[in-house]
C-alpha atoms as a PDB file:
ATOM      1  CA  VAL A   1      -7.630 -10.525   8.167  1.00  0.00           C
ATOM      2  CA  GLY A   2     -11.072 -10.875   9.756  1.00  0.00           C
ATOM      3  CA  GLY A   3     -12.228 -13.922  11.567  1.00  0.00           C
ATOM      4  CA  SER A   4     -15.107 -14.979   9.488  1.00  0.00           C
ATOM      5  CA  ARG A   5     -13.302 -17.472   7.376  1.00  0.00           C
ATOM      6  CA  GLY A   6     -13.132 -20.396   9.930  1.00  0.00           C
ATOM      7  CA  SER A   7      -9.530 -21.926  10.390  1.00  0.00           C
ATOM      8  CA  ARG A   8      -7.890 -19.974   7.419  1.00  0.00           C
ATOM      9  CA  SER A   9      -5.193 -17.537   8.243  1.00  0.00           C
ATOM     10  CA  ARG A  10      -5.996 -13.808   8.917  1.00  0.00           C
ATOM     11  CA  SER A  11      -4.384 -12.884   5.593  1.00  0.00           C
ATOM     12  CA  GLU A  12      -5.646 -15.809   3.578  1.00  0.00           C
ATOM     13  CA  GLY A  13      -7.945 -14.652   0.781  1.00  0.00           C
ATOM     14  CA  MET A  14      -6.612 -11.079   0.799  1.00  0.00           C
ATOM     15  CA  THR A  15      -6.561  -9.472  -2.706  1.00  0.00           C
ATOM     16  CA  VAL A  16      -3.640  -7.072  -3.438  1.00  0.00           C
ATOM     17  CA  VAL A  17      -2.903  -4.905  -6.548  1.00  0.00           C
ATOM     18  CA  VAL A  18       0.845  -3.738  -6.923  1.00  0.00           C
ATOM     19  CA  PHE A  19       1.437  -0.817  -9.035  1.00  0.00           C
ATOM     20  CA  GLY A  20       4.718  -0.907 -10.578  1.00  0.00           C
ATOM     21  CA  GLY A  21       4.882  -4.695  -9.530  1.00  0.00           C
ATOM     22  CA  TYR A  22       7.517  -5.330 -12.381  1.00  0.00           C
ATOM     23  CA  GLY A  23       9.980  -2.794 -11.294  1.00  0.00           C
ATOM     24  CA  THR A  24      12.944  -3.333  -8.921  1.00  0.00           C
ATOM     25  CA  PHE A  25      11.184  -2.925  -5.655  1.00  0.00           C
ATOM     26  CA  GLY A  26       7.727  -3.897  -6.737  1.00  0.00           C
ATOM     27  CA  ALA A  27       9.018  -7.295  -8.103  1.00  0.00           C
ATOM     28  CA  HIS A  28      10.404  -8.013  -4.451  1.00  0.00           C
ATOM     29  CA  VAL A  29       6.959  -7.019  -3.005  1.00  0.00           C
ATOM     30  CA  VAL A  30       5.055  -9.247  -5.458  1.00  0.00           C
ATOM     31  CA  ARG A  31       7.136 -12.334  -4.846  1.00  0.00           C
ATOM     32  CA  ALA A  32       6.828 -11.796  -1.149  1.00  0.00           C
ATOM     33  CA  LEU A  33       3.019 -11.472  -1.186  1.00  0.00           C
ATOM     34  CA  ARG A  34       2.567 -14.252  -3.609  1.00  0.00           C
ATOM     35  CA  GLY A  35       5.004 -16.356  -1.496  1.00  0.00           C
ATOM     36  CA  ALA A  36       2.694 -15.725   1.412  1.00  0.00           C
ATOM     37  CA  GLY A  37      -0.373 -17.019  -0.500  1.00  0.00           C
ATOM     38  CA  LEU A  38      -2.000 -13.863  -1.521  1.00  0.00           C
ATOM     39  CA  GLU A  39      -3.784 -13.165  -4.438  1.00  0.00           C
ATOM     40  CA  VAL A  40      -1.782 -10.418  -6.247  1.00  0.00           C
ATOM     41  CA  ARG A  41      -2.176  -8.683  -9.512  1.00  0.00           C
ATOM     42  CA  VAL A  42       0.363  -6.391 -11.082  1.00  0.00           C
ATOM     43  CA  ALA A  43      -0.613  -2.911 -12.393  1.00  0.00           C
ATOM     44  CA  GLY A  44       1.407  -0.593 -14.597  1.00  0.00           C
ATOM     45  CA  ARG A  45       1.808   1.362 -17.853  1.00  0.00           C
ATOM     46  CA  ASP A  46       3.666  -1.471 -19.592  1.00  0.00           C
ATOM     47  CA  PRO A  47       0.955  -3.898 -21.176  1.00  0.00           C
ATOM     48  CA  ALA A  48       3.706  -6.371 -21.703  1.00  0.00           C
ATOM     49  CA  ARG A  49       4.610  -6.769 -18.096  1.00  0.00           C
ATOM     50  CA  ALA A  50       1.428  -5.666 -16.425  1.00  0.00           C
ATOM     51  CA  GLN A  51      -1.807  -7.769 -15.792  1.00  0.00           C
ATOM     52  CA  LEU A  52      -3.791  -4.343 -15.419  1.00  0.00           C
ATOM     53  CA  VAL A  53      -2.719  -1.612 -17.475  1.00  0.00           C
ATOM     54  CA  ALA A  54      -2.871   1.672 -15.501  1.00  0.00           C
ATOM     55  CA  ASP A  55      -0.932   4.935 -14.961  1.00  0.00           C
ATOM     56  CA  VAL A  56      -0.596   5.590 -11.287  1.00  0.00           C
ATOM     57  CA  ASN A  57      -1.171   9.253 -12.043  1.00  0.00           C
ATOM     58  CA  ASP A  58      -4.397   8.796 -13.745  1.00  0.00           C
ATOM     59  CA  LEU A  59      -7.414   8.877 -11.295  1.00  0.00           C
ATOM     60  CA  ASP A  60      -9.922   6.968 -13.759  1.00  0.00           C
ATOM     61  CA  ALA A  61      -7.182   4.342 -14.598  1.00  0.00           C
ATOM     62  CA  CYS A  62      -6.477   3.796 -10.830  1.00  0.00           C
ATOM     63  CA  ALA A  63     -10.114   3.507 -10.005  1.00  0.00           C
ATOM     64  CA  ARG A  64     -10.633   0.787 -12.646  1.00  0.00           C
ATOM     65  CA  ALA A  65      -7.476  -1.152 -11.472  1.00  0.00           C
ATOM     66  CA  ILE A  66      -8.390  -1.300  -7.821  1.00  0.00           C
ATOM     67  CA  ALA A  67     -11.963  -2.087  -8.363  1.00  0.00           C
ATOM     68  CA  ASP A  68     -11.759  -5.793  -7.159  1.00  0.00           C
ATOM     69  CA  PHE A  69      -8.999  -5.408  -4.553  1.00  0.00           C
ATOM     70  CA  GLU A  70      -8.836  -4.952  -0.759  1.00  0.00           C
ATOM     71  CA  VAL A  71      -5.367  -3.410  -0.960  1.00  0.00           C
ATOM     72  CA  ALA A  72      -3.366  -1.350  -3.250  1.00  0.00           C
ATOM     73  CA  VAL A  73       0.306  -1.206  -3.023  1.00  0.00           C
ATOM     74  CA  ASN A  74       2.352   1.583  -4.720  1.00  0.00           C
ATOM     75  CA  CYS A  75       5.807   0.816  -5.915  1.00  0.00           C
ATOM     76  CA  ALA A  76       5.684   2.952  -9.014  1.00  0.00           C
ATOM     77  CA  GLY A  77       8.208   5.748  -8.823  1.00  0.00           C
ATOM     78  CA  PRO A  78       9.880   7.911  -8.595  1.00  0.00           C
ATOM     79  CA  PHE A  79       7.444   9.289  -5.904  1.00  0.00           C
ATOM     80  CA  SER A  80       8.680  12.791  -6.522  1.00  0.00           C
ATOM     81  CA  SER A  81       6.740  12.881  -9.875  1.00  0.00           C
ATOM     82  CA  LEU A  82       3.469  11.235  -8.616  1.00  0.00           C
ATOM     83  CA  THR A  83      -0.062  12.698  -7.929  1.00  0.00           C
ATOM     84  CA  LEU A  84      -2.215  11.613  -5.339  1.00  0.00           C
ATOM     85  CA  ALA A  85      -4.522   9.773  -8.065  1.00  0.00           C
ATOM     86  CA  LEU A  86      -3.981   6.387  -6.378  1.00  0.00           C
ATOM     87  CA  PRO A  87      -4.505   7.224  -2.812  1.00  0.00           C
ATOM     88  CA  GLU A  88      -7.537   9.339  -4.009  1.00  0.00           C
ATOM     89  CA  ALA A  89      -8.898   6.323  -5.847  1.00  0.00           C
ATOM     90  CA  CYS A  90      -8.408   4.184  -2.837  1.00  0.00           C
ATOM     91  CA  LEU A  91     -10.214   6.581  -0.636  1.00  0.00           C
ATOM     92  CA  ALA A  92     -13.150   6.669  -3.099  1.00  0.00           C
ATOM     93  CA  ALA A  93     -13.403   2.904  -3.463  1.00  0.00           C
ATOM     94  CA  GLY A  94     -12.724   1.819   0.131  1.00  0.00           C
ATOM     95  CA  VAL A  95      -9.337   0.302  -0.555  1.00  0.00           C
ATOM     96  CA  HIS A  96      -6.384   0.149   1.858  1.00  0.00           C
ATOM     97  CA  TYR A  97      -3.265   1.983   0.615  1.00  0.00           C
ATOM     98  CA  VAL A  98       0.334   0.932   0.998  1.00  0.00           C
ATOM     99  CA  ASP A  99       3.431   2.355  -0.614  1.00  0.00           C
ATOM    100  CA  VAL A 100       7.309   2.330  -0.453  1.00  0.00           C
ATOM    101  CA  ALA A 101       7.599   6.087  -0.854  1.00  0.00           C
ATOM    102  CA  ASP A 102      11.032   7.484  -0.813  1.00  0.00           C
ATOM    103  CA  ASP A 103       9.955  11.255  -1.159  1.00  0.00           C
ATOM    104  CA  ARG A 104       9.348  13.302   1.636  1.00  0.00           C
ATOM    105  CA  SER A 105       7.268  15.744  -0.146  1.00  0.00           C
ATOM    106  CA  TYR A 106       5.014  13.087  -1.408  1.00  0.00           C
ATOM    107  CA  CYS A 107       4.827  11.610   2.381  1.00  0.00           C
ATOM    108  CA  VAL A 108       3.748  15.060   3.497  1.00  0.00           C
ATOM    109  CA  LEU A 109       1.054  15.356   0.767  1.00  0.00           C
ATOM    110  CA  LEU A 110      -0.428  11.974   1.709  1.00  0.00           C
ATOM    111  CA  ARG A 111      -0.283  12.897   5.454  1.00  0.00           C
ATOM    112  CA  GLU A 112      -2.829  15.414   4.569  1.00  0.00           C
ATOM    113  CA  LEU A 113      -5.185  12.628   3.556  1.00  0.00           C
ATOM    114  CA  SER A 114      -4.760  10.746   6.827  1.00  0.00           C
ATOM    115  CA  PRO A 115      -8.124  12.131   8.245  1.00  0.00           C
ATOM    116  CA  ARG A 116      -9.889  11.026   5.317  1.00  0.00           C
ATOM    117  CA  PHE A 117      -8.609   7.449   5.518  1.00  0.00           C
ATOM    118  CA  ALA A 118      -9.347   7.391   9.069  1.00  0.00           C
ATOM    119  CA  GLU A 119     -12.990   8.583   8.543  1.00  0.00           C
ATOM    120  CA  ARG A 120     -13.448   5.686   6.061  1.00  0.00           C
ATOM    121  CA  GLY A 121     -11.766   3.084   8.539  1.00  0.00           C
ATOM    122  CA  LEU A 122      -9.063   2.599   5.855  1.00  0.00           C
ATOM    123  CA  THR A 123      -5.196   2.436   6.449  1.00  0.00           C
ATOM    124  CA  ALA A 124      -2.678   4.372   4.582  1.00  0.00           C
ATOM    125  CA  ALA A 125       0.582   2.749   5.298  1.00  0.00           C
ATOM    126  CA  VAL A 126       3.446   5.168   3.828  1.00  0.00           C
ATOM    127  CA  GLY A 127       6.978   4.450   3.174  1.00  0.00           C
ATOM    128  CA  CYS A 128       7.187   0.774   3.959  1.00  0.00           C
ATOM    129  CA  SER A 129      10.724   0.221   3.616  1.00  0.00           C
ATOM    130  CA  SER A 130      13.453   0.716   5.913  1.00  0.00           C
ATOM    131  CA  GLY A 131      14.971   4.034   4.958  1.00  0.00           C
ATOM    132  CA  ASP A 132      11.651   5.504   3.843  1.00  0.00           C
ATOM    133  CA  VAL A 133       9.956   4.772   7.237  1.00  0.00           C
ATOM    134  CA  VAL A 134      12.480   7.114   8.841  1.00  0.00           C
ATOM    135  CA  ASN A 135      12.242   9.796   6.004  1.00  0.00           C
ATOM    136  CA  CYS A 136       8.322   9.934   6.236  1.00  0.00           C
ATOM    137  CA  ALA A 137       8.576  10.066  10.088  1.00  0.00           C
ATOM    138  CA  VAL A 138      11.053  12.833   9.887  1.00  0.00           C
ATOM    139  CA  SER A 139       8.861  14.686   7.437  1.00  0.00           C
ATOM    140  CA  THR A 140       5.810  14.496   9.520  1.00  0.00           C
ATOM    141  CA  SER A 141       7.228  14.465  13.042  1.00  0.00           C
ATOM    142  CA  SER A 142       5.685  18.041  14.035  1.00  0.00           C
ATOM    143  CA  ARG A 143       2.348  16.553  13.925  1.00  0.00           C
ATOM    144  CA  PRO A 144       0.692  14.038  16.171  1.00  0.00           C
ATOM    145  CA  PRO A 145       0.476  10.535  14.601  1.00  0.00           C
ATOM    146  CA  THR A 146      -2.743   8.726  13.628  1.00  0.00           C
ATOM    147  CA  LEU A 147      -3.369   5.199  14.092  1.00  0.00           C
ATOM    148  CA  ALA A 148      -2.316   4.454  10.398  1.00  0.00           C
ATOM    149  CA  TRP A 149       1.097   6.072  11.070  1.00  0.00           C
ATOM    150  CA  ARG A 150       1.457   4.498  14.444  1.00  0.00           C
ATOM    151  CA  GLN A 151       0.821   1.183  12.765  1.00  0.00           C
ATOM    152  CA  VAL A 152       3.621   1.815  10.292  1.00  0.00           C
ATOM    153  CA  ARG A 153       5.809   2.842  12.997  1.00  0.00           C
ATOM    154  CA  ASP A 154       5.271  -0.328  14.944  1.00  0.00           C
ATOM    155  CA  ALA A 155       5.651  -2.569  11.914  1.00  0.00           C
ATOM    156  CA  ARG A 156       8.703  -4.726  11.672  1.00  0.00           C
ATOM    157  CA  VAL A 157      11.373  -3.165   9.389  1.00  0.00           C
ATOM    158  CA  SER A 158      14.183  -4.851   7.784  1.00  0.00           C
ATOM    159  CA  PRO A 159      17.680  -3.092   8.013  1.00  0.00           C
ATOM    160  CA  VAL A 160      18.761  -4.784   4.928  1.00  0.00           C
ATOM    161  CA  ARG A 161      19.529  -1.855   2.198  1.00  0.00           C
ATOM    162  CA  SER A 162      16.051  -0.330   2.296  1.00  0.00           C
ATOM    163  CA  LEU A 163      14.273  -3.281   0.455  1.00  0.00           C
ATOM    164  CA  PRO A 164      10.507  -3.105   0.918  1.00  0.00           C
ATOM    165  CA  VAL A 165       9.218  -4.838   3.812  1.00  0.00           C
ATOM    166  CA  LEU A 166       5.703  -5.779   2.790  1.00  0.00           C
ATOM    167  CA  SER A 167       4.445  -9.151   4.066  1.00  0.00           C
ATOM    168  CA  SER A 168       0.928 -10.699   4.523  1.00  0.00           C
ATOM    169  CA  ASP A 169       1.523 -10.217   8.311  1.00  0.00           C
ATOM    170  CA  THR A 170       2.321  -6.353   7.878  1.00  0.00           C
ATOM    171  CA  LEU A 171      -0.748  -6.100   5.644  1.00  0.00           C
ATOM    172  CA  THR A 172      -2.874  -7.953   7.967  1.00  0.00           C
ATOM    173  CA  ARG A 173      -1.959  -5.669  11.025  1.00  0.00           C
ATOM    174  CA  CYS A 174      -2.283  -2.460   8.785  1.00  0.00           C
ATOM    175  CA  THR A 175      -5.841  -3.183   7.231  1.00  0.00           C
ATOM    176  CA  GLY A 176      -7.241  -5.207  10.239  1.00  0.00           C
ATOM    177  CA  ARG A 177     -10.100  -6.839   8.374  1.00  0.00           C
ATOM    178  CA  SER A 178     -10.775  -8.726   5.225  1.00  0.00           C
ATOM    179  CA  ARG A 179     -12.612  -7.644   1.960  1.00  0.00           C
ATOM    180  CA  ALA A 180     -15.581  -9.893   3.118  1.00  0.00           C
ATOM    181  CA  ALA A 181     -15.756  -7.746   6.474  1.00  0.00           C
ATOM    182  CA  ARG A 182     -15.914  -4.419   4.478  1.00  0.00           C
END
């Protein structure tokens, strides 16, 4: 991400916080991102498993948890019970937002924030797992796509049992810049 770091790869040095990173899908995402050399911290409600204690439905807790990161990934579910606290905190802090949402209603709510993410030059990549990309696309297909939604549509998606497909390459394509460039 960004080109100001000499010969380092575009995603090297990117900082990512994964909410629900100790859960079924979150653990896969954390392993993949760490395997790609990214700095990753896990946030969640369980102090025994999370490096940062935060409830994804608590705006203030989300704001504190994302303060030092470039990207926040939401793997905390079920998405049908979530508020927009984390995406709102991301907007306020200038942090890119990525999730593995599996709930159409949540995708529609998040879609309403798209203009605000665009105004801030931020990406909201929603439904980054194979089945969920389809669900989110269907739930919002009556509206013209924005840049962030086209980026999600064009991202490589694994056909394997709807496991999350977040990689440093996907994050690089979605965010388009490093924390240093912010």
